[in-house]
C-alpha atoms as a PDB file:
ATOM      1  CA  MET A   1       0.059   0.022   0.016  1.00  0.00           C
ATOM      2  CA  GLU A   2       1.075   3.625  -0.647  1.00  0.00           C
ATOM      3  CA  MET A   3       2.363   5.483   2.381  1.00  0.00           C
ATOM      4  CA  THR A   4       0.079   8.492   2.200  1.00  0.00           C
ATOM      5  CA  PRO A   5       0.393  11.444   4.615  1.00  0.00           C
ATOM      6  CA  HIS A   6      -2.664  10.282   6.507  1.00  0.00           C
ATOM      7  CA  ARG A   7      -1.293   6.774   6.812  1.00  0.00           C
ATOM      8  CA  TRP A   8       2.062   8.124   7.959  1.00  0.00           C
ATOM      9  CA  GLU A   9       0.352  10.172  10.783  1.00  0.00           C
ATOM     10  CA  ALA A  10      -1.697   7.119  11.773  1.00  0.00           C
ATOM     11  CA  THR A  11       1.462   4.973  11.895  1.00  0.00           C
ATOM     12  CA  SER A  12       3.325   7.449  13.984  1.00  0.00           C
ATOM     13  CA  ALA A  13       0.311   7.627  16.423  1.00  0.00           C
ATOM     14  CA  TYR A  14       0.146   3.839  16.638  1.00  0.00           C
ATOM     15  CA  LEU A  15       3.950   3.556  17.274  1.00  0.00           C
ATOM     16  CA  SER A  16       3.664   6.135  20.065  1.00  0.00           C
ATOM     17  CA  GLU A  17       0.659   4.473  21.620  1.00  0.00           C
ATOM     18  CA  VAL A  18       1.958   0.879  21.470  1.00  0.00           C
ATOM     19  CA  PHE A  19       5.742   1.317  21.767  1.00  0.00           C
ATOM     20  CA  GLY A  20       5.991   4.554  23.679  1.00  0.00           C
ATOM     21  CA  ARG A  21       4.357   3.987  27.097  1.00  0.00           C
ATOM     22  CA  PRO A  22       6.731   6.168  29.126  1.00  0.00           C
ATOM     23  CA  ASP A  23       6.476   5.847  32.989  1.00  0.00           C
ATOM     24  CA  ARG A  24       4.999   8.741  35.071  1.00  0.00           C
ATOM     25  CA  GLN A  25       8.404  10.515  35.304  1.00  0.00           C
ATOM     26  CA  LEU A  26       8.832  10.592  31.609  1.00  0.00           C
ATOM     27  CA  SER A  27       5.229  11.083  30.618  1.00  0.00           C
ATOM     28  CA  THR A  28       5.177  14.402  32.398  1.00  0.00           C
ATOM     29  CA  HIS A  29       8.705  15.522  31.280  1.00  0.00           C
ATOM     30  CA  ARG A  30       7.629  17.356  28.194  1.00  0.00           C
ATOM     31  CA  GLU A  31       5.119  19.509  30.175  1.00  0.00           C
ATOM     32  CA  ARG A  32       7.840  20.393  32.681  1.00  0.00           C
ATOM     33  CA  ALA A  33      10.326  21.236  29.941  1.00  0.00           C
ATOM     34  CA  ARG A  34       7.812  23.499  28.182  1.00  0.00           C
ATOM     35  CA  ALA A  35       7.015  25.314  31.421  1.00  0.00           C
ATOM     36  CA  ALA A  36      10.762  25.846  31.962  1.00  0.00           C
ATOM     37  CA  GLY A  37      11.063  27.391  28.533  1.00  0.00           C
ATOM     38  CA  LEU A  38      12.963  24.692  26.814  1.00  0.00           C
ATOM     39  CA  PRO A  39      12.399  23.971  23.130  1.00  0.00           C
ATOM     40  CA  ASP A  40       9.665  21.451  22.491  1.00  0.00           C
ATOM     41  CA  ILE A  41      11.915  19.171  20.427  1.00  0.00           C
ATOM     42  CA  ALA A  42      12.746  16.087  22.531  1.00  0.00           C
ATOM     43  CA  VAL A  43      12.605  12.680  20.988  1.00  0.00           C
ATOM     44  CA  SER A  44       9.265  10.892  21.176  1.00  0.00           C
ATOM     45  CA  PRO A  45       8.603   8.005  23.712  1.00  0.00           C
ATOM     46  CA  ASP A  46       8.798   5.397  21.053  1.00  0.00           C
ATOM     47  CA  VAL A  47      12.189   6.694  19.909  1.00  0.00           C
ATOM     48  CA  GLY A  48      13.142   6.724  23.626  1.00  0.00           C
ATOM     49  CA  ARG A  49      12.221   3.101  23.958  1.00  0.00           C
ATOM     50  CA  LEU A  50      14.283   2.272  20.875  1.00  0.00           C
ATOM     51  CA  LEU A  51      17.222   4.075  22.490  1.00  0.00           C
ATOM     52  CA  HIS A  52      16.778   2.058  25.720  1.00  0.00           C
ATOM     53  CA  LEU A  53      16.616  -1.159  23.714  1.00  0.00           C
ATOM     54  CA  LEU A  54      19.693  -0.380  21.635  1.00  0.00           C
ATOM     55  CA  THR A  55      21.713   0.691  24.687  1.00  0.00           C
ATOM     56  CA  SER A  56      20.787  -2.655  26.482  1.00  0.00           C
ATOM     57  CA  LEU A  57      21.882  -4.611  23.323  1.00  0.00           C
ATOM     58  CA  ALA A  58      25.206  -2.830  22.907  1.00  0.00           C
ATOM     59  CA  ASN A  59      28.524  -4.277  23.994  1.00  0.00           C
ATOM     60  CA  ASN A  60      27.701  -7.715  22.668  1.00  0.00           C
ATOM     61  CA  GLY A  61      24.363  -7.741  24.539  1.00  0.00           C
ATOM     62  CA  ARG A  62      25.751  -6.931  27.956  1.00  0.00           C
ATOM     63  CA  GLY A  63      24.554  -3.288  27.721  1.00  0.00           C
ATOM     64  CA  ALA A  64      26.634  -0.205  27.134  1.00  0.00           C
ATOM     65  CA  GLY A  65      29.321   0.285  29.602  1.00  0.00           C
ATOM     66  CA  VAL A  66      30.074   3.750  28.265  1.00  0.00           C
ATOM     67  CA  ALA A  67      27.647   5.923  26.196  1.00  0.00           C
ATOM     68  CA  VAL A  68      28.064   9.300  24.874  1.00  0.00           C
ATOM     69  CA  GLU A  69      25.192  11.681  24.124  1.00  0.00           C
ATOM     70  CA  VAL A  70      25.581  14.887  22.022  1.00  0.00           C
ATOM     71  CA  GLY A  71      22.666  17.151  22.818  1.00  0.00           C
ATOM     72  CA  THR A  72      21.272  16.628  26.315  1.00  0.00           C
ATOM     73  CA  LEU A  73      18.520  19.227  26.055  1.00  0.00           C
ATOM     74  CA  GLY A  74      16.140  18.418  28.956  1.00  0.00           C
ATOM     75  CA  GLY A  75      17.451  14.935  29.627  1.00  0.00           C
ATOM     76  CA  PHE A  76      14.550  12.946  28.086  1.00  0.00           C
ATOM     77  CA  SER A  77      16.640  10.721  25.736  1.00  0.00           C
ATOM     78  CA  GLY A  78      19.482  10.617  28.332  1.00  0.00           C
ATOM     79  CA  ILE A  79      17.168   8.967  30.864  1.00  0.00           C
ATOM     80  CA  TRP A  80      16.187   6.291  28.380  1.00  0.00           C
ATOM     81  CA  ILE A  81      19.831   5.612  27.552  1.00  0.00           C
ATOM     82  CA  ALA A  82      20.960   5.660  31.153  1.00  0.00           C
ATOM     83  CA  ARG A  83      18.328   3.073  32.037  1.00  0.00           C
ATOM     84  CA  GLY A  84      19.717   0.742  29.431  1.00  0.00           C
ATOM     85  CA  LEU A  85      23.267   0.896  30.602  1.00  0.00           C
ATOM     86  CA  ALA A  86      25.181  -2.173  31.876  1.00  0.00           C
ATOM     87  CA  PRO A  87      25.563  -2.394  35.699  1.00  0.00           C
ATOM     88  CA  GLY A  88      28.136   0.198  36.579  1.00  0.00           C
ATOM     89  CA  GLY A  89      27.902   1.830  33.169  1.00  0.00           C
ATOM     90  CA  ARG A  90      28.055   5.623  32.622  1.00  0.00           C
ATOM     91  CA  LEU A  91      26.537   8.099  30.241  1.00  0.00           C
ATOM     92  CA  TYR A  92      28.536  11.174  29.300  1.00  0.00           C
ATOM     93  CA  THR A  93      26.052  13.716  27.915  1.00  0.00           C
ATOM     94  CA  ILE A  94      27.047  16.980  26.255  1.00  0.00           C
ATOM     95  CA  GLU A  95      25.015  20.201  26.351  1.00  0.00           C
ATOM     96  CA  PRO A  96      26.402  23.806  25.943  1.00  0.00           C
ATOM     97  CA  GLU A  97      23.218  25.609  27.024  1.00  0.00           C
ATOM     98  CA  LYS A  98      23.435  25.996  30.811  1.00  0.00           C
ATOM     99  CA  LYS A  99      19.661  26.423  31.156  1.00  0.00           C
ATOM    100  CA  HIS A 100      19.012  23.125  29.459  1.00  0.00           C
ATOM    101  CA  ALA A 101      21.796  21.382  31.394  1.00  0.00           C
ATOM    102  CA  ALA A 102      20.431  22.627  34.696  1.00  0.00           C
ATOM    103  CA  PHE A 103      17.009  21.387  33.903  1.00  0.00           C
ATOM    104  CA  ALA A 104      18.297  18.040  32.805  1.00  0.00           C
ATOM    105  CA  ARG A 105      20.357  17.685  35.958  1.00  0.00           C
ATOM    106  CA  ASP A 106      17.216  17.916  38.092  1.00  0.00           C
ATOM    107  CA  GLU A 107      15.449  15.354  35.709  1.00  0.00           C
ATOM    108  CA  PHE A 108      18.222  12.904  36.072  1.00  0.00           C
ATOM    109  CA  LYS A 109      17.961  13.159  39.795  1.00  0.00           C
ATOM    110  CA  SER A 110      14.195  12.693  39.782  1.00  0.00           C
ATOM    111  CA  ALA A 111      14.474   9.702  37.520  1.00  0.00           C
ATOM    112  CA  GLY A 112      16.990   8.076  39.789  1.00  0.00           C
ATOM    113  CA  VAL A 113      19.847   7.882  37.200  1.00  0.00           C
ATOM    114  CA  ALA A 114      22.070  10.829  38.235  1.00  0.00           C
ATOM    115  CA  ASP A 115      24.598   8.386  39.727  1.00  0.00           C
ATOM    116  CA  ARG A 116      25.319   7.085  36.277  1.00  0.00           C
ATOM    117  CA  VAL A 117      25.297  10.338  34.306  1.00  0.00           C
ATOM    118  CA  THR A 118      28.193  12.716  33.741  1.00  0.00           C
ATOM    119  CA  GLN A 119      27.164  16.083  32.305  1.00  0.00           C
ATOM    120  CA  ILE A 120      29.499  18.085  30.217  1.00  0.00           C
ATOM    121  CA  ASP A 121      28.420  21.712  29.867  1.00  0.00           C
ATOM    122  CA  ALA A 122      30.308  22.410  26.685  1.00  0.00           C
ATOM    123  CA  ALA A 123      29.901  22.421  22.918  1.00  0.00           C
ATOM    124  CA  ALA A 124      30.669  19.489  20.695  1.00  0.00           C
ATOM    125  CA  PRO A 125      32.713  18.392  18.755  1.00  0.00           C
ATOM    126  CA  GLY A 126      35.387  20.052  21.019  1.00  0.00           C
ATOM    127  CA  ALA A 127      33.807  18.390  24.175  1.00  0.00           C
ATOM    128  CA  ILE A 128      33.999  15.051  22.429  1.00  0.00           C
ATOM    129  CA  SER A 129      37.658  15.448  21.702  1.00  0.00           C
ATOM    130  CA  GLU A 130      38.159  16.468  25.422  1.00  0.00           C
ATOM    131  CA  LEU A 131      36.627  13.206  26.526  1.00  0.00           C
ATOM    132  CA  GLY A 132      39.722  11.630  25.246  1.00  0.00           C
ATOM    133  CA  ALA A 133      41.457  12.804  28.423  1.00  0.00           C
ATOM    134  CA  ARG A 134      38.951  10.849  30.584  1.00  0.00           C
ATOM    135  CA  LEU A 135      38.261   7.804  28.365  1.00  0.00           C
ATOM    136  CA  ALA A 136      40.592   5.268  26.878  1.00  0.00           C
ATOM    137  CA  PRO A 137      40.560   4.638  23.187  1.00  0.00           C
ATOM    138  CA  ALA A 138      38.009   2.154  21.985  1.00  0.00           C
ATOM    139  CA  SER A 139      36.045   2.403  25.224  1.00  0.00           C
ATOM    140  CA  VAL A 140      32.689   3.838  24.047  1.00  0.00           C
ATOM    141  CA  ASP A 141      29.897   1.444  23.293  1.00  0.00           C
ATOM    142  CA  LEU A 142      27.258   3.790  22.126  1.00  0.00           C
ATOM    143  CA  LEU A 143      27.184   7.335  20.594  1.00  0.00           C
ATOM    144  CA  PHE A 144      23.837   9.195  20.243  1.00  0.00           C
ATOM    145  CA  LEU A 145      23.578  12.327  18.152  1.00  0.00           C
ATOM    146  CA  ASP A 146      20.756  14.813  18.596  1.00  0.00           C
ATOM    147  CA  ALA A 147      22.361  18.304  18.280  1.00  0.00           C
ATOM    148  CA  ILE A 148      23.431  20.581  15.364  1.00  0.00           C
ATOM    149  CA  LYS A 149      22.658  18.599  12.220  1.00  0.00           C
ATOM    150  CA  ALA A 150      25.357  20.234  10.144  1.00  0.00           C
ATOM    151  CA  ASP A 151      27.897  18.962  12.680  1.00  0.00           C
ATOM    152  CA  TYR A 152      26.816  15.245  12.708  1.00  0.00           C
ATOM    153  CA  ARG A 153      29.843  14.110  10.612  1.00  0.00           C
ATOM    154  CA  ALA A 154      32.227  16.174  12.792  1.00  0.00           C
ATOM    155  CA  TYR A 155      30.762  14.485  15.930  1.00  0.00           C
ATOM    156  CA  VAL A 156      31.387  11.036  14.502  1.00  0.00           C
ATOM    157  CA  GLU A 157      34.941  11.909  13.409  1.00  0.00           C
ATOM    158  CA  ALA A 158      35.685  13.500  16.798  1.00  0.00           C
ATOM    159  CA  ALA A 159      34.491  10.296  18.530  1.00  0.00           C
ATOM    160  CA  GLU A 160      35.851   7.616  16.161  1.00  0.00           C
ATOM    161  CA  THR A 161      38.924   6.713  18.137  1.00  0.00           C
ATOM    162  CA  LEU A 162      36.942   6.398  21.300  1.00  0.00           C
ATOM    163  CA  LEU A 163      34.399   4.037  19.663  1.00  0.00           C
ATOM    164  CA  LYS A 164      34.888   0.238  20.101  1.00  0.00           C
ATOM    165  CA  PRO A 165      34.712  -2.082  17.131  1.00  0.00           C
ATOM    166  CA  GLY A 166      31.075  -2.896  17.102  1.00  0.00           C
ATOM    167  CA  ALA A 167      30.018   0.234  18.820  1.00  0.00           C
ATOM    168  CA  LEU A 168      26.582   1.659  17.951  1.00  0.00           C
ATOM    169  CA  ILE A 169      26.119   5.167  16.369  1.00  0.00           C
ATOM    170  CA  ILE A 170      22.626   6.507  16.556  1.00  0.00           C
ATOM    171  CA  ALA A 171      21.493   9.711  14.908  1.00  0.00           C
ATOM    172  CA  ASP A 172      18.076  11.330  15.347  1.00  0.00           C
ATOM    173  CA  ASN A 173      16.363  13.381  12.549  1.00  0.00           C
ATOM    174  CA  ALA A 174      17.894  11.304   9.844  1.00  0.00           C
ATOM    175  CA  LEU A 175      14.860  11.961   7.626  1.00  0.00           C
ATOM    176  CA  GLY A 176      13.502  15.351   8.766  1.00  0.00           C
ATOM    177  CA  SER A 177      12.996  18.030  11.335  1.00  0.00           C
ATOM    178  CA  GLY A 178      10.732  20.909  12.078  1.00  0.00           C
ATOM    179  CA  ASP A 179      11.142  22.907   8.830  1.00  0.00           C
ATOM    180  CA  TRP A 180      12.464  20.220   6.323  1.00  0.00           C
ATOM    181  CA  TRP A 181      12.021  16.691   5.234  1.00  0.00           C
ATOM    182  CA  ILE A 182      14.373  14.582   3.220  1.00  0.00           C
ATOM    183  CA  ASP A 183      12.452  15.194  -0.006  1.00  0.00           C
ATOM    184  CA  THR A 184      12.846  18.953   0.315  1.00  0.00           C
ATOM    185  CA  PRO A 185      14.747  20.016  -2.797  1.00  0.00           C
ATOM    186  CA  SER A 186      18.489  20.143  -2.215  1.00  0.00           C
ATOM    187  CA  GLY A 187      19.952  23.613  -1.966  1.00  0.00           C
ATOM    188  CA  THR A 188      16.942  24.982  -0.209  1.00  0.00           C
ATOM    189  CA  ASN A 189      17.691  24.102   3.409  1.00  0.00           C
ATOM    190  CA  ALA A 190      21.119  23.786   4.838  1.00  0.00           C
ATOM    191  CA  ALA A 191      20.155  21.312   7.645  1.00  0.00           C
ATOM    192  CA  ARG A 192      18.491  19.057   5.109  1.00  0.00           C
ATOM    193  CA  ASP A 193      21.557  19.054   2.848  1.00  0.00           C
ATOM    194  CA  ALA A 194      23.857  18.440   5.766  1.00  0.00           C
ATOM    195  CA  VAL A 195      21.850  15.471   7.013  1.00  0.00           C
ATOM    196  CA  ASP A 196      21.534  13.937   3.520  1.00  0.00           C
ATOM    197  CA  ALA A 197      25.328  14.304   3.101  1.00  0.00           C
ATOM    198  CA  PHE A 198      25.834  12.649   6.569  1.00  0.00           C
ATOM    199  CA  ASN A 199      23.552   9.793   5.828  1.00  0.00           C
ATOM    200  CA  ARG A 200      25.330   9.063   2.531  1.00  0.00           C
ATOM    201  CA  TRP A 201      28.727   9.374   4.142  1.00  0.00           C
ATOM    202  CA  MET A 202      27.808   6.814   6.858  1.00  0.00           C
ATOM    203  CA  ALA A 203      26.161   4.405   4.455  1.00  0.00           C
ATOM    204  CA  THR A 204      28.931   4.377   1.849  1.00  0.00           C
ATOM    205  CA  GLY A 205      32.168   5.285   3.741  1.00  0.00           C
ATOM    206  CA  GLY A 206      33.011   1.655   4.457  1.00  0.00           C
ATOM    207  CA  ARG A 207      33.620   2.164   8.182  1.00  0.00           C
ATOM    208  CA  PHE A 208      30.071   1.435   9.319  1.00  0.00           C
ATOM    209  CA  ASP A 209      27.305  -0.974   8.802  1.00  0.00           C
ATOM    210  CA  CYS A 210      24.268   1.344   8.610  1.00  0.00           C
ATOM    211  CA  ALA A 211      20.462   1.447   8.236  1.00  0.00           C
ATOM    212  CA  CYS A 212      17.769   3.942   8.902  1.00  0.00           C
ATOM    213  CA  VAL A 213      14.487   3.278  10.772  1.00  0.00           C
ATOM    214  CA  PRO A 214      11.658   5.527   9.495  1.00  0.00           C
ATOM    215  CA  ILE A 215      10.299   6.162  12.986  1.00  0.00           C
ATOM    216  CA  ARG A 216       9.157   9.709  13.789  1.00  0.00           C
ATOM    217  CA  GLU A 217      11.656  11.886  11.987  1.00  0.00           C
ATOM    218  CA  GLY A 218      14.023   9.050  11.164  1.00  0.00           C
ATOM    219  CA  VAL A 219      16.709   7.283  13.211  1.00  0.00           C
ATOM    220  CA  LEU A 220      20.011   6.290  11.696  1.00  0.00           C
ATOM    221  CA  ILE A 221      21.586   3.274  13.311  1.00  0.00           C
ATOM    222  CA  ALA A 222      25.153   2.220  12.514  1.00  0.00           C
ATOM    223  CA  ARG A 223      27.708  -0.272  13.799  1.00  0.00           C
ATOM    224  CA  LYS A 224      31.403   0.485  13.728  1.00  0.00           C
ATOM    225  CA  ARG A 225      33.207  -2.248  11.712  1.00  0.00           C
ATOM    226  CA  ALA A 226      36.013  -4.110  13.348  1.00  0.00           C
END
């Protein structure tokens, strides 16, 4: 059957209803974030559940021991990731906006995951490079990108020496965002063109096994080759 706009909306609603199901803490997160003046752009609950699942499957099914998130915002996606970590695992989450980072810090505490989260209040990709002073090469099991779309490739390149063979790279907005979709004509939206170039680089560069899940605004999932 043809994927019409109506069917796409119905599919998205179904995925959110069946596979979202956030707990009480996360189901009220968006309302608190809006009230605090944060942008209303967090991942959806069904994408959050996908992040949780992938985190728990990383590191050969043992759960990610070390995860890095680029773009904390209000902490919604970070909570999902933190809950999927291996016992004793740690999430390093990067957010340059101090207001967003402060809000996320409270959310991590309320969700009971603050003990496994290290917040880095700085801008990527520089902050990723600085993680090299804290983390050993090939020690990161999962990298999640949800920040400046034009810098996605730079984020991956900055993190590549930290990523284990077999590490997962997950990128949100692989198919669209608020003011563009992947079928927007090239040359008319810089973010769209940057994401298109990133997708093609990831898929054809030979360093990653890569696919895209058309959930919400598209989630690229890649695995670093040995």
